[in-house]
Amino acid sequence: MAEKSKELGNLARIGKLVAEPGAPTEIKGLVTSGSERLKDARNTNLALSSRFDLAYNAAHAFSLAALRWHGYRSDSRYLVFQALPHTLGLPAAVWRVLAKAHEIRNIAEYEGHFDADETMLKNLIDAADAVRAAVIALPPLSKK
């Protein structure tokens, strides 16, 4: 894994990312929060929309942890997902699932219409699992 990818540096130069060193405690907290949410997203006693929210926010926490590990921050949730090929080397198929989930989440949040089914939730949970596995495989931040 590259310490600072050229693509992330380019995004910082055009103002889409801000270079800011990540802290080990911050990254650990994001991974812990994401892991708890991902576990709860599998609770079939919860409403589908609640499980979707939990899985979406878990994926975001893992993706943000990866971006912070590389020393960048973003205010854009979408960009945090879009950077996954550069932060964790994940295939575009993973961030495309997350991009679709982001679109569903925004429509639910801002227009009050939730439109996802069990298949989308399964795909989202699988994508969050892939991001989690990749982010926990990163070496400790202090040993970069």
C-alpha atoms as a PDB file:
ATOM      1  CA  MET A   1       0.000   0.000   0.000  1.00  0.00           C
ATOM      2  CA  ALA A   2       1.391   3.373  -0.996  1.00  0.00           C
ATOM      3  CA  GLU A   3       2.032   5.772   1.852  1.00  0.00           C
ATOM      4  CA  LYS A   4       0.501   8.687  -0.022  1.00  0.00           C
ATOM      5  CA  SER A   5      -1.124   7.808  -3.279  1.00  0.00           C
ATOM      6  CA  LYS A   6      -0.817  10.161  -6.212  1.00  0.00           C
ATOM      7  CA  GLU A   7      -4.601  10.156  -6.604  1.00  0.00           C
ATOM      8  CA  LEU A   8      -5.206  11.191  -2.990  1.00  0.00           C
ATOM      9  CA  GLY A   9      -2.594  13.926  -3.344  1.00  0.00           C
ATOM     10  CA  ASN A  10      -4.328  15.179  -6.478  1.00  0.00           C
ATOM     11  CA  LEU A  11      -7.674  15.298  -4.653  1.00  0.00           C
ATOM     12  CA  ALA A  12      -6.018  17.338  -1.898  1.00  0.00           C
ATOM     13  CA  ARG A  13      -4.517  19.750  -4.438  1.00  0.00           C
ATOM     14  CA  ILE A  14      -7.968  20.506  -5.893  1.00  0.00           C
ATOM     15  CA  GLY A  15      -9.496  20.931  -2.436  1.00  0.00           C
ATOM     16  CA  LYS A  16     -11.567  17.730  -2.309  1.00  0.00           C
ATOM     17  CA  LEU A  17      -9.456  16.311   0.539  1.00  0.00           C
ATOM     18  CA  VAL A  18      -7.590  18.004   3.360  1.00  0.00           C
ATOM     19  CA  ALA A  19      -4.188  16.665   4.374  1.00  0.00           C
ATOM     20  CA  GLU A  20      -4.308  16.059   8.128  1.00  0.00           C
ATOM     21  CA  PRO A  21      -2.464  13.326   9.993  1.00  0.00           C
ATOM     22  CA  GLY A  22      -4.709  10.642  11.431  1.00  0.00           C
ATOM     23  CA  ALA A  23      -4.414   9.596  15.056  1.00  0.00           C
ATOM     24  CA  PRO A  24      -4.295   5.928  16.086  1.00  0.00           C
ATOM     25  CA  THR A  25      -7.065   6.510  18.663  1.00  0.00           C
ATOM     26  CA  GLU A  26      -9.294   8.123  16.042  1.00  0.00           C
ATOM     27  CA  ILE A  27      -8.817   5.239  13.609  1.00  0.00           C
ATOM     28  CA  LYS A  28      -9.381   2.656  16.349  1.00  0.00           C
ATOM     29  CA  GLY A  29     -12.561   4.459  17.403  1.00  0.00           C
ATOM     30  CA  LEU A  30     -13.888   4.513  13.835  1.00  0.00           C
ATOM     31  CA  VAL A  31     -13.187   0.784  13.413  1.00  0.00           C
ATOM     32  CA  THR A  32     -14.838  -0.031  16.748  1.00  0.00           C
ATOM     33  CA  SER A  33     -17.899   2.081  15.927  1.00  0.00           C
ATOM     34  CA  GLY A  34     -18.160   0.542  12.463  1.00  0.00           C
ATOM     35  CA  SER A  35     -17.798  -2.987  13.811  1.00  0.00           C
ATOM     36  CA  GLU A  36     -20.563  -2.469  16.378  1.00  0.00           C
ATOM     37  CA  ARG A  37     -22.883  -0.987  13.757  1.00  0.00           C
ATOM     38  CA  LEU A  38     -22.148  -3.740  11.265  1.00  0.00           C
ATOM     39  CA  LYS A  39     -22.936  -6.380  13.889  1.00  0.00           C
ATOM     40  CA  ASP A  40     -26.240  -4.654  14.696  1.00  0.00           C
ATOM     41  CA  ALA A  41     -27.077  -4.351  10.974  1.00  0.00           C
ATOM     42  CA  ARG A  42     -27.352  -8.145  10.926  1.00  0.00           C
ATOM     43  CA  ASN A  43     -30.070  -8.092  13.601  1.00  0.00           C
ATOM     44  CA  THR A  44     -33.143  -9.246  11.709  1.00  0.00           C
ATOM     45  CA  ASN A  45     -35.399  -8.076  14.549  1.00  0.00           C
ATOM     46  CA  LEU A  46     -34.732  -4.492  13.430  1.00  0.00           C
ATOM     47  CA  ALA A  47     -36.535  -2.715  10.604  1.00  0.00           C
ATOM     48  CA  LEU A  48     -34.914  -2.919   7.179  1.00  0.00           C
ATOM     49  CA  SER A  49     -34.382   0.854   7.125  1.00  0.00           C
ATOM     50  CA  SER A  50     -32.647   0.731  10.519  1.00  0.00           C
ATOM     51  CA  ARG A  51     -30.404  -2.121   9.406  1.00  0.00           C
ATOM     52  CA  PHE A  52     -29.596  -0.190   6.242  1.00  0.00           C
ATOM     53  CA  ASP A  53     -28.638   2.923   8.272  1.00  0.00           C
ATOM     54  CA  LEU A  54     -26.408   0.827  10.521  1.00  0.00           C
ATOM     55  CA  ALA A  55     -24.664  -0.899   7.614  1.00  0.00           C
ATOM     56  CA  TYR A  56     -24.246   2.368   5.706  1.00  0.00           C
ATOM     57  CA  ASN A  57     -22.729   4.154   8.687  1.00  0.00           C
ATOM     58  CA  ALA A  58     -20.492   1.149   9.412  1.00  0.00           C
ATOM     59  CA  ALA A  59     -19.159   1.273   5.848  1.00  0.00           C
ATOM     60  CA  HIS A  60     -18.592   5.006   6.174  1.00  0.00           C
ATOM     61  CA  ALA A  61     -16.721   4.599   9.476  1.00  0.00           C
ATOM     62  CA  PHE A  62     -14.406   1.954   7.960  1.00  0.00           C
ATOM     63  CA  SER A  63     -13.865   4.011   4.794  1.00  0.00           C
ATOM     64  CA  LEU A  64     -13.126   7.157   6.805  1.00  0.00           C
ATOM     65  CA  ALA A  65     -10.680   5.184   8.983  1.00  0.00           C
ATOM     66  CA  ALA A  66      -8.803   4.190   5.813  1.00  0.00           C
ATOM     67  CA  LEU A  67      -8.719   7.779   4.579  1.00  0.00           C
ATOM     68  CA  ARG A  68      -7.509   9.010   7.985  1.00  0.00           C
ATOM     69  CA  TRP A  69      -4.817   6.284   7.994  1.00  0.00           C
ATOM     70  CA  HIS A  70      -3.496   7.827   4.783  1.00  0.00           C
ATOM     71  CA  GLY A  71      -3.491  11.275   6.391  1.00  0.00           C
ATOM     72  CA  TYR A  72      -6.508  12.860   4.711  1.00  0.00           C
ATOM     73  CA  ARG A  73      -9.943  14.080   5.715  1.00  0.00           C
ATOM     74  CA  SER A  74     -13.039  14.836   3.636  1.00  0.00           C
ATOM     75  CA  ASP A  75     -16.367  16.479   4.351  1.00  0.00           C
ATOM     76  CA  SER A  76     -17.937  14.460   1.541  1.00  0.00           C
ATOM     77  CA  ARG A  77     -19.261  11.026   2.430  1.00  0.00           C
ATOM     78  CA  TYR A  78     -19.400  10.117  -1.226  1.00  0.00           C
ATOM     79  CA  LEU A  79     -15.746  10.983  -1.735  1.00  0.00           C
ATOM     80  CA  VAL A  80     -14.735   8.853   1.263  1.00  0.00           C
ATOM     81  CA  PHE A  81     -16.296   5.874  -0.529  1.00  0.00           C
ATOM     82  CA  GLN A  82     -14.978   6.878  -3.940  1.00  0.00           C
ATOM     83  CA  ALA A  83     -11.412   6.973  -2.584  1.00  0.00           C
ATOM     84  CA  LEU A  84     -11.494   3.278  -1.560  1.00  0.00           C
ATOM     85  CA  PRO A  85      -9.530   2.046  -4.601  1.00  0.00           C
ATOM     86  CA  HIS A  86      -6.770   4.461  -3.523  1.00  0.00           C
ATOM     87  CA  THR A  87      -6.947   3.982   0.244  1.00  0.00           C
ATOM     88  CA  LEU A  88      -7.472   0.216   0.449  1.00  0.00           C
ATOM     89  CA  GLY A  89      -6.992  -1.051  -3.081  1.00  0.00           C
ATOM     90  CA  LEU A  90     -10.582  -2.288  -3.199  1.00  0.00           C
ATOM     91  CA  PRO A  91     -12.207  -2.881  -6.575  1.00  0.00           C
ATOM     92  CA  ALA A  92     -14.601  -0.335  -8.023  1.00  0.00           C
ATOM     93  CA  ALA A  93     -17.449  -2.823  -7.520  1.00  0.00           C
ATOM     94  CA  VAL A  94     -17.257  -2.240  -3.751  1.00  0.00           C
ATOM     95  CA  TRP A  95     -17.450   1.529  -3.892  1.00  0.00           C
ATOM     96  CA  ARG A  96     -20.212   1.336  -6.506  1.00  0.00           C
ATOM     97  CA  VAL A  97     -22.377  -0.562  -3.993  1.00  0.00           C
ATOM     98  CA  LEU A  98     -21.513   2.096  -1.426  1.00  0.00           C
ATOM     99  CA  ALA A  99     -22.255   4.892  -3.915  1.00  0.00           C
ATOM    100  CA  LYS A 100     -25.707   3.382  -4.545  1.00  0.00           C
ATOM    101  CA  ALA A 101     -26.250   3.065  -0.794  1.00  0.00           C
ATOM    102  CA  HIS A 102     -25.226   6.713  -0.417  1.00  0.00           C
ATOM    103  CA  GLU A 103     -27.839   7.706  -2.996  1.00  0.00           C
ATOM    104  CA  ILE A 104     -30.528   5.656  -1.194  1.00  0.00           C
ATOM    105  CA  ARG A 105     -29.490   7.145   2.141  1.00  0.00           C
ATOM    106  CA  ASN A 106     -29.683  10.717   0.820  1.00  0.00           C
ATOM    107  CA  ILE A 107     -33.153  10.232  -0.660  1.00  0.00           C
ATOM    108  CA  ALA A 108     -34.327   8.726   2.648  1.00  0.00           C
ATOM    109  CA  GLU A 109     -32.713  11.500   4.698  1.00  0.00           C
ATOM    110  CA  TYR A 110     -33.723  14.495   2.589  1.00  0.00           C
ATOM    111  CA  GLU A 111     -36.905  13.355   0.831  1.00  0.00           C
ATOM    112  CA  GLY A 112     -38.289  10.879   3.354  1.00  0.00           C
ATOM    113  CA  HIS A 113     -38.493   8.010   0.893  1.00  0.00           C
ATOM    114  CA  PHE A 114     -36.579   4.813   1.717  1.00  0.00           C
ATOM    115  CA  ASP A 115     -36.256   2.487  -1.252  1.00  0.00           C
ATOM    116  CA  ALA A 116     -34.033  -0.511  -0.558  1.00  0.00           C
ATOM    117  CA  ASP A 117     -34.703  -4.208  -0.312  1.00  0.00           C
ATOM    118  CA  GLU A 118     -33.055  -7.185   1.374  1.00  0.00           C
ATOM    119  CA  THR A 119     -30.761  -7.724  -1.629  1.00  0.00           C
ATOM    120  CA  MET A 120     -29.437  -4.175  -1.438  1.00  0.00           C
ATOM    121  CA  LEU A 121     -28.948  -4.569   2.321  1.00  0.00           C
ATOM    122  CA  LYS A 122     -27.031  -7.823   1.782  1.00  0.00           C
ATOM    123  CA  ASN A 123     -24.825  -6.161  -0.849  1.00  0.00           C
ATOM    124  CA  LEU A 124     -24.211  -3.234   1.497  1.00  0.00           C
ATOM    125  CA  ILE A 125     -23.285  -5.532   4.398  1.00  0.00           C
ATOM    126  CA  ASP A 126     -20.950  -7.512   2.101  1.00  0.00           C
ATOM    127  CA  ALA A 127     -19.300  -4.275   0.933  1.00  0.00           C
ATOM    128  CA  ALA A 128     -18.926  -3.050   4.531  1.00  0.00           C
ATOM    129  CA  ASP A 129     -17.372  -6.415   5.442  1.00  0.00           C
ATOM    130  CA  ALA A 130     -14.850  -6.044   2.595  1.00  0.00           C
ATOM    131  CA  VAL A 131     -13.928  -2.518   3.723  1.00  0.00           C
ATOM    132  CA  ARG A 132     -13.627  -3.655   7.350  1.00  0.00           C
ATOM    133  CA  ALA A 133     -11.335  -6.568   6.441  1.00  0.00           C
ATOM    134  CA  ALA A 134      -9.084  -4.290   4.385  1.00  0.00           C
ATOM    135  CA  VAL A 135      -8.893  -1.522   6.976  1.00  0.00           C
ATOM    136  CA  ILE A 136      -8.057  -3.833   9.878  1.00  0.00           C
ATOM    137  CA  ALA A 137      -5.283  -5.355   7.735  1.00  0.00           C
ATOM    138  CA  LEU A 138      -3.524  -1.970   7.568  1.00  0.00           C
ATOM    139  CA  PRO A 139      -0.403  -1.821   9.750  1.00  0.00           C
ATOM    140  CA  PRO A 140      -0.615   0.246  12.927  1.00  0.00           C
ATOM    141  CA  LEU A 141      -0.415   3.950  12.114  1.00  0.00           C
ATOM    142  CA  SER A 142       2.657   4.475  14.276  1.00  0.00           C
ATOM    143  CA  LYS A 143       4.612   1.955  12.146  1.00  0.00           C
ATOM    144  CA  LYS A 144       3.912   3.610   8.781  1.00  0.00           C
END
